Amino acid sequence: MSAQTYVRRVLDLYRSIPETPNRPRAADRRLAATLYEHAIPLDIVAAALVLATARRHYRYPQAPALRPVRSLHYYLPVIDELLTNPPPPGYREYLCRRLAPSAPHLVATIDHQKS
């Protein structure tokens, strides 16, 4: 996969998450390119975005509201976590099924990128 395709796919995933900007910033594009340069698998990036979205969505209901995500950098700690401890097979798909009602664009984007 070319760098341009990888960056586009990462940014498509990022934009498909509820409460993220419709237009990625230049810093988001640079980070996506850096992830490519470091050979971070697209599956890990997708899993990190899904996992972080699920954590935000299914947190304690009485907890204070979180601010919207404004940068792809928000997901870096989860990417690092999954590089160290990859999710078990099928876990991302499980989270996607759980998130489908609240994040249908994210799930559709991930399904589209698999094909």
N, C-alpha and C. Protein backbone atom coordinates (compact mmCIF):
# COMPACT_ATOMS: atom_id res chain seq x y z
N MET A 1 0.85 -1.17 0.00
CA MET A 1 0.00 0.00 0.00
C MET A 1 0.89 1.24 0.00
N SER A 2 0.52 2.19 -0.81
CA SER A 2 1.32 3.41 -0.90
C SER A 2 1.09 4.29 0.33
N ALA A 3 2.01 5.21 0.55
CA ALA A 3 1.88 6.15 1.67
C ALA A 3 0.61 6.98 1.51
N GLN A 4 0.33 7.41 0.31
CA GLN A 4 -0.85 8.24 0.07
C GLN A 4 -2.14 7.48 0.39
N THR A 5 -2.21 6.22 0.00
CA THR A 5 -3.39 5.40 0.28
C THR A 5 -3.53 5.17 1.78
N TYR A 6 -2.43 4.87 2.45
CA TYR A 6 -2.44 4.65 3.89
C TYR A 6 -2.94 5.90 4.62
N VAL A 7 -2.38 7.05 4.29
CA VAL A 7 -2.78 8.31 4.94
C VAL A 7 -4.26 8.56 4.70
N ARG A 8 -4.73 8.38 3.47
CA ARG A 8 -6.14 8.59 3.17
C ARG A 8 -7.02 7.67 3.99
N ARG A 9 -6.63 6.42 4.12
CA ARG A 9 -7.45 5.47 4.89
C ARG A 9 -7.48 5.82 6.38
N VAL A 10 -6.33 6.20 6.93
CA VAL A 10 -6.30 6.61 8.33
C VAL A 10 -7.19 7.82 8.55
N LEU A 11 -7.09 8.80 7.67
CA LEU A 11 -7.90 10.01 7.82
C LEU A 11 -9.38 9.73 7.60
N ASP A 12 -9.71 8.79 6.70
CA ASP A 12 -11.11 8.40 6.52
C ASP A 12 -11.66 7.77 7.80
N LEU A 13 -10.86 6.91 8.42
CA LEU A 13 -11.28 6.31 9.69
C LEU A 13 -11.50 7.39 10.75
N TYR A 14 -10.55 8.28 10.85
CA TYR A 14 -10.61 9.36 11.85
C TYR A 14 -11.87 10.21 11.65
N ARG A 15 -12.14 10.60 10.41
CA ARG A 15 -13.30 11.45 10.13
C ARG A 15 -14.62 10.73 10.36
N SER A 16 -14.61 9.41 10.34
CA SER A 16 -15.85 8.65 10.50
C SER A 16 -16.28 8.51 11.96
N ILE A 17 -15.44 8.94 12.87
CA ILE A 17 -15.76 8.84 14.30
C ILE A 17 -16.63 10.02 14.71
N PRO A 18 -17.72 9.74 15.44
CA PRO A 18 -18.54 10.85 15.92
C PRO A 18 -17.70 11.82 16.76
N GLU A 19 -18.00 13.08 16.64
CA GLU A 19 -17.35 14.14 17.42
C GLU A 19 -15.90 14.40 17.02
N THR A 20 -15.53 14.04 15.81
CA THR A 20 -14.21 14.44 15.30
C THR A 20 -14.44 15.41 14.14
N PRO A 21 -13.46 16.23 13.84
CA PRO A 21 -13.64 17.20 12.75
C PRO A 21 -13.87 16.52 11.40
N ASN A 22 -14.67 17.16 10.56
CA ASN A 22 -14.90 16.63 9.21
C ASN A 22 -13.68 16.81 8.32
N ARG A 23 -12.88 17.81 8.63
CA ARG A 23 -11.66 18.07 7.87
C ARG A 23 -10.46 17.89 8.79
N PRO A 24 -9.62 16.90 8.49
CA PRO A 24 -8.42 16.73 9.31
C PRO A 24 -7.49 17.92 9.17
N ARG A 25 -6.77 18.19 10.22
CA ARG A 25 -5.79 19.28 10.20
C ARG A 25 -4.49 18.79 9.55
N ALA A 26 -3.64 19.73 9.24
CA ALA A 26 -2.34 19.36 8.65
C ALA A 26 -1.56 18.46 9.61
N ALA A 27 -1.67 18.72 10.91
CA ALA A 27 -0.97 17.89 11.90
C ALA A 27 -1.49 16.45 11.87
N ASP A 28 -2.77 16.27 11.57
CA ASP A 28 -3.33 14.92 11.47
C ASP A 28 -2.75 14.19 10.25
N ARG A 29 -2.62 14.91 9.16
CA ARG A 29 -2.02 14.32 7.95
C ARG A 29 -0.56 13.94 8.21
N ARG A 30 0.17 14.81 8.89
CA ARG A 30 1.57 14.51 9.20
C ARG A 30 1.67 13.29 10.11
N LEU A 31 0.78 13.19 11.10
CA LEU A 31 0.81 12.03 12.00
C LEU A 31 0.49 10.76 11.23
N ALA A 32 -0.49 10.80 10.35
CA ALA A 32 -0.82 9.61 9.55
C ALA A 32 0.38 9.19 8.70
N ALA A 33 1.08 10.16 8.14
CA ALA A 33 2.28 9.85 7.35
C ALA A 33 3.38 9.25 8.24
N THR A 34 3.50 9.77 9.45
CA THR A 34 4.49 9.23 10.40
C THR A 34 4.15 7.80 10.77
N LEU A 35 2.87 7.52 10.98
CA LEU A 35 2.45 6.14 11.28
C LEU A 35 2.83 5.21 10.14
N TYR A 36 2.67 5.69 8.90
CA TYR A 36 3.08 4.90 7.74
C TYR A 36 4.59 4.66 7.75
N GLU A 37 5.35 5.72 7.99
CA GLU A 37 6.81 5.61 8.01
C GLU A 37 7.30 4.65 9.08
N HIS A 38 6.56 4.55 10.17
CA HIS A 38 6.93 3.64 11.26
C HIS A 38 6.33 2.25 11.08
N ALA A 39 5.70 2.05 9.92
CA ALA A 39 5.12 0.75 9.56
C ALA A 39 4.09 0.26 10.58
N ILE A 40 3.27 1.17 11.07
CA ILE A 40 2.19 0.79 11.99
C ILE A 40 1.08 0.19 11.13
N PRO A 41 0.70 -1.06 11.38
CA PRO A 41 -0.33 -1.69 10.56
C PRO A 41 -1.65 -0.92 10.62
N LEU A 42 -2.30 -0.80 9.49
CA LEU A 42 -3.58 -0.11 9.43
C LEU A 42 -4.60 -0.79 10.34
N ASP A 43 -4.51 -2.10 10.48
CA ASP A 43 -5.43 -2.83 11.38
C ASP A 43 -5.27 -2.36 12.82
N ILE A 44 -4.05 -2.08 13.23
CA ILE A 44 -3.81 -1.59 14.60
C ILE A 44 -4.39 -0.19 14.77
N VAL A 45 -4.21 0.65 13.77
CA VAL A 45 -4.77 2.01 13.84
C VAL A 45 -6.29 1.93 13.92
N ALA A 46 -6.89 1.11 13.07
CA ALA A 46 -8.36 0.96 13.08
C ALA A 46 -8.83 0.42 14.42
N ALA A 47 -8.14 -0.58 14.94
CA ALA A 47 -8.53 -1.14 16.24
C ALA A 47 -8.41 -0.10 17.35
N ALA A 48 -7.38 0.72 17.29
CA ALA A 48 -7.19 1.76 18.30
C ALA A 48 -8.32 2.79 18.25
N LEU A 49 -8.70 3.19 17.07
CA LEU A 49 -9.79 4.16 16.94
C LEU A 49 -11.10 3.58 17.45
N VAL A 50 -11.35 2.32 17.13
CA VAL A 50 -12.57 1.66 17.60
C VAL A 50 -12.54 1.51 19.12
N LEU A 51 -11.41 1.06 19.66
CA LEU A 51 -11.31 0.85 21.10
C LEU A 51 -11.47 2.17 21.86
N ALA A 52 -10.80 3.21 21.42
CA ALA A 52 -10.91 4.50 22.10
C ALA A 52 -12.33 5.05 22.01
N THR A 53 -12.96 4.86 20.86
CA THR A 53 -14.35 5.31 20.70
C THR A 53 -15.26 4.54 21.63
N ALA A 54 -15.06 3.24 21.74
CA ALA A 54 -15.87 2.43 22.65
C ALA A 54 -15.64 2.85 24.11
N ARG A 55 -14.42 3.10 24.47
CA ARG A 55 -14.13 3.54 25.84
C ARG A 55 -14.82 4.86 26.15
N ARG A 56 -14.82 5.77 25.19
CA ARG A 56 -15.49 7.05 25.40
C ARG A 56 -17.00 6.85 25.50
N HIS A 57 -17.53 6.01 24.64
CA HIS A 57 -18.98 5.82 24.56
C HIS A 57 -19.54 5.06 25.76
N TYR A 58 -18.82 4.06 26.23
CA TYR A 58 -19.34 3.19 27.29
C TYR A 58 -18.76 3.51 28.66
N ARG A 59 -18.32 4.72 28.86
CA ARG A 59 -17.79 5.09 30.18
C ARG A 59 -18.95 5.33 31.14
N TYR A 60 -18.62 5.47 32.39
CA TYR A 60 -19.61 5.65 33.45
C TYR A 60 -20.54 6.81 33.10
N PRO A 61 -21.85 6.59 33.08
CA PRO A 61 -22.78 7.63 32.64
C PRO A 61 -22.76 8.91 33.49
N GLN A 62 -22.44 8.79 34.75
CA GLN A 62 -22.43 9.97 35.62
C GLN A 62 -21.11 10.74 35.57
N ALA A 63 -20.16 10.24 34.83
CA ALA A 63 -18.87 10.93 34.70
C ALA A 63 -19.07 12.23 33.93
N PRO A 64 -18.23 13.22 34.19
CA PRO A 64 -18.36 14.48 33.45
C PRO A 64 -18.20 14.24 31.94
N ALA A 65 -18.88 15.03 31.17
CA ALA A 65 -18.81 14.92 29.71
C ALA A 65 -17.38 15.17 29.21
N LEU A 66 -17.02 14.44 28.20
CA LEU A 66 -15.71 14.62 27.58
C LEU A 66 -15.81 15.62 26.44
N ARG A 67 -14.74 16.34 26.21
CA ARG A 67 -14.69 17.24 25.07
C ARG A 67 -14.58 16.42 23.78
N PRO A 68 -15.05 16.97 22.68
CA PRO A 68 -14.87 16.26 21.40
C PRO A 68 -13.39 16.07 21.08
N VAL A 69 -13.09 15.02 20.36
CA VAL A 69 -11.72 14.75 19.92
C VAL A 69 -11.41 15.72 18.78
N ARG A 70 -10.30 16.42 18.88
CA ARG A 70 -9.94 17.41 17.87
C ARG A 70 -8.66 17.08 17.13
N SER A 71 -8.03 15.94 17.47
CA SER A 71 -6.77 15.62 16.82
C SER A 71 -6.57 14.10 16.78
N LEU A 72 -5.99 13.63 15.71
CA LEU A 72 -5.63 12.22 15.59
C LEU A 72 -4.64 11.83 16.68
N HIS A 73 -3.89 12.79 17.19
CA HIS A 73 -2.93 12.52 18.26
C HIS A 73 -3.59 11.94 19.51
N TYR A 74 -4.85 12.21 19.71
CA TYR A 74 -5.59 11.68 20.85
C TYR A 74 -5.47 10.15 20.91
N TYR A 75 -5.38 9.52 19.76
CA TYR A 75 -5.39 8.05 19.69
C TYR A 75 -4.02 7.41 19.82
N LEU A 76 -2.96 8.20 19.85
CA LEU A 76 -1.61 7.63 19.94
C LEU A 76 -1.39 6.70 21.13
N PRO A 77 -1.84 7.06 22.34
CA PRO A 77 -1.63 6.13 23.46
C PRO A 77 -2.31 4.78 23.25
N VAL A 78 -3.46 4.78 22.60
CA VAL A 78 -4.16 3.51 22.36
C VAL A 78 -3.44 2.73 21.27
N ILE A 79 -2.92 3.41 20.27
CA ILE A 79 -2.11 2.72 19.24
C ILE A 79 -0.90 2.07 19.90
N ASP A 80 -0.21 2.81 20.76
CA ASP A 80 0.95 2.25 21.47
C ASP A 80 0.53 1.05 22.34
N GLU A 81 -0.58 1.18 23.01
CA GLU A 81 -1.09 0.08 23.85
C GLU A 81 -1.33 -1.17 23.01
N LEU A 82 -1.94 -1.01 21.84
CA LEU A 82 -2.25 -2.18 21.01
C LEU A 82 -1.02 -2.75 20.32
N LEU A 83 -0.01 -1.92 20.09
CA LEU A 83 1.24 -2.46 19.55
C LEU A 83 1.92 -3.36 20.58
N THR A 84 1.81 -2.97 21.85
CA THR A 84 2.40 -3.76 22.93
C THR A 84 1.56 -4.99 23.25
N ASN A 85 0.25 -4.81 23.23
CA ASN A 85 -0.67 -5.87 23.62
C ASN A 85 -1.82 -5.91 22.61
N PRO A 86 -1.62 -6.58 21.47
CA PRO A 86 -2.66 -6.60 20.43
C PRO A 86 -3.96 -7.21 20.94
N PRO A 87 -5.08 -6.73 20.41
CA PRO A 87 -6.37 -7.29 20.85
C PRO A 87 -6.53 -8.72 20.36
N PRO A 88 -7.32 -9.51 21.06
CA PRO A 88 -7.54 -10.89 20.59
C PRO A 88 -8.31 -10.89 19.27
N PRO A 89 -8.18 -11.96 18.51
CA PRO A 89 -8.91 -12.05 17.24
C PRO A 89 -10.42 -11.85 17.47
N GLY A 90 -11.02 -11.07 16.61
CA GLY A 90 -12.46 -10.86 16.69
C GLY A 90 -12.89 -9.73 17.62
N TYR A 91 -11.96 -9.20 18.42
CA TYR A 91 -12.36 -8.17 19.39
C TYR A 91 -12.77 -6.87 18.70
N ARG A 92 -12.05 -6.48 17.67
CA ARG A 92 -12.42 -5.25 16.96
C ARG A 92 -13.81 -5.40 16.34
N GLU A 93 -14.09 -6.57 15.77
CA GLU A 93 -15.40 -6.81 15.17
C GLU A 93 -16.50 -6.77 16.24
N TYR A 94 -16.20 -7.32 17.41
CA TYR A 94 -17.16 -7.27 18.52
C TYR A 94 -17.46 -5.82 18.89
N LEU A 95 -16.41 -5.01 19.03
CA LEU A 95 -16.62 -3.60 19.38
C LEU A 95 -17.39 -2.88 18.27
N CYS A 96 -17.11 -3.20 17.03
CA CYS A 96 -17.83 -2.57 15.92
C CYS A 96 -19.32 -2.89 16.00
N ARG A 97 -19.64 -4.12 16.31
CA ARG A 97 -21.07 -4.48 16.44
C ARG A 97 -21.71 -3.70 17.58
N ARG A 98 -20.99 -3.54 18.67
CA ARG A 98 -21.51 -2.77 19.81
C ARG A 98 -21.68 -1.29 19.48
N LEU A 99 -20.75 -0.77 18.69
CA LEU A 99 -20.77 0.66 18.35
C LEU A 99 -21.67 0.99 17.16
N ALA A 100 -22.10 -0.01 16.41
CA ALA A 100 -22.83 0.25 15.17
C ALA A 100 -23.99 1.23 15.34
N PRO A 101 -24.80 1.14 16.41
CA PRO A 101 -25.91 2.10 16.53
C PRO A 101 -25.45 3.55 16.73
N SER A 102 -24.34 3.76 17.42
CA SER A 102 -23.90 5.12 17.74
C SER A 102 -22.80 5.64 16.82
N ALA A 103 -22.11 4.75 16.12
CA ALA A 103 -21.02 5.17 15.22
C ALA A 103 -21.11 4.40 13.90
N PRO A 104 -22.23 4.50 13.21
CA PRO A 104 -22.39 3.70 11.99
C PRO A 104 -21.37 4.03 10.90
N HIS A 105 -20.94 5.29 10.82
CA HIS A 105 -19.97 5.66 9.78
C HIS A 105 -18.61 5.02 10.04
N LEU A 106 -18.21 4.93 11.31
CA LEU A 106 -16.94 4.27 11.65
C LEU A 106 -17.00 2.81 11.25
N VAL A 107 -18.07 2.13 11.61
CA VAL A 107 -18.21 0.71 11.30
C VAL A 107 -18.24 0.50 9.79
N ALA A 108 -18.98 1.34 9.07
CA ALA A 108 -19.05 1.21 7.62
C ALA A 108 -17.69 1.46 6.98
N THR A 109 -16.94 2.42 7.49
CA THR A 109 -15.62 2.72 6.93
C THR A 109 -14.67 1.55 7.15
N ILE A 110 -14.71 0.96 8.33
CA ILE A 110 -13.85 -0.20 8.62
C ILE A 110 -14.25 -1.37 7.73
N ASP A 111 -15.55 -1.62 7.61
CA ASP A 111 -16.00 -2.72 6.73
C ASP A 111 -15.58 -2.49 5.29
N HIS A 112 -15.66 -1.25 4.84
CA HIS A 112 -15.28 -0.91 3.46
C HIS A 112 -13.78 -1.11 3.24
N GLN A 113 -12.98 -0.78 4.23
CA GLN A 113 -11.52 -0.89 4.08
C GLN A 113 -11.06 -2.34 4.10
N LYS A 114 -11.85 -3.22 4.69
CA LYS A 114 -11.47 -4.63 4.70
C LYS A 114 -11.57 -5.25 3.31
N SER A 115 -12.49 -4.73 2.50
CA SER A 115 -12.69 -5.31 1.18
C SER A 115 -11.77 -4.72 0.13
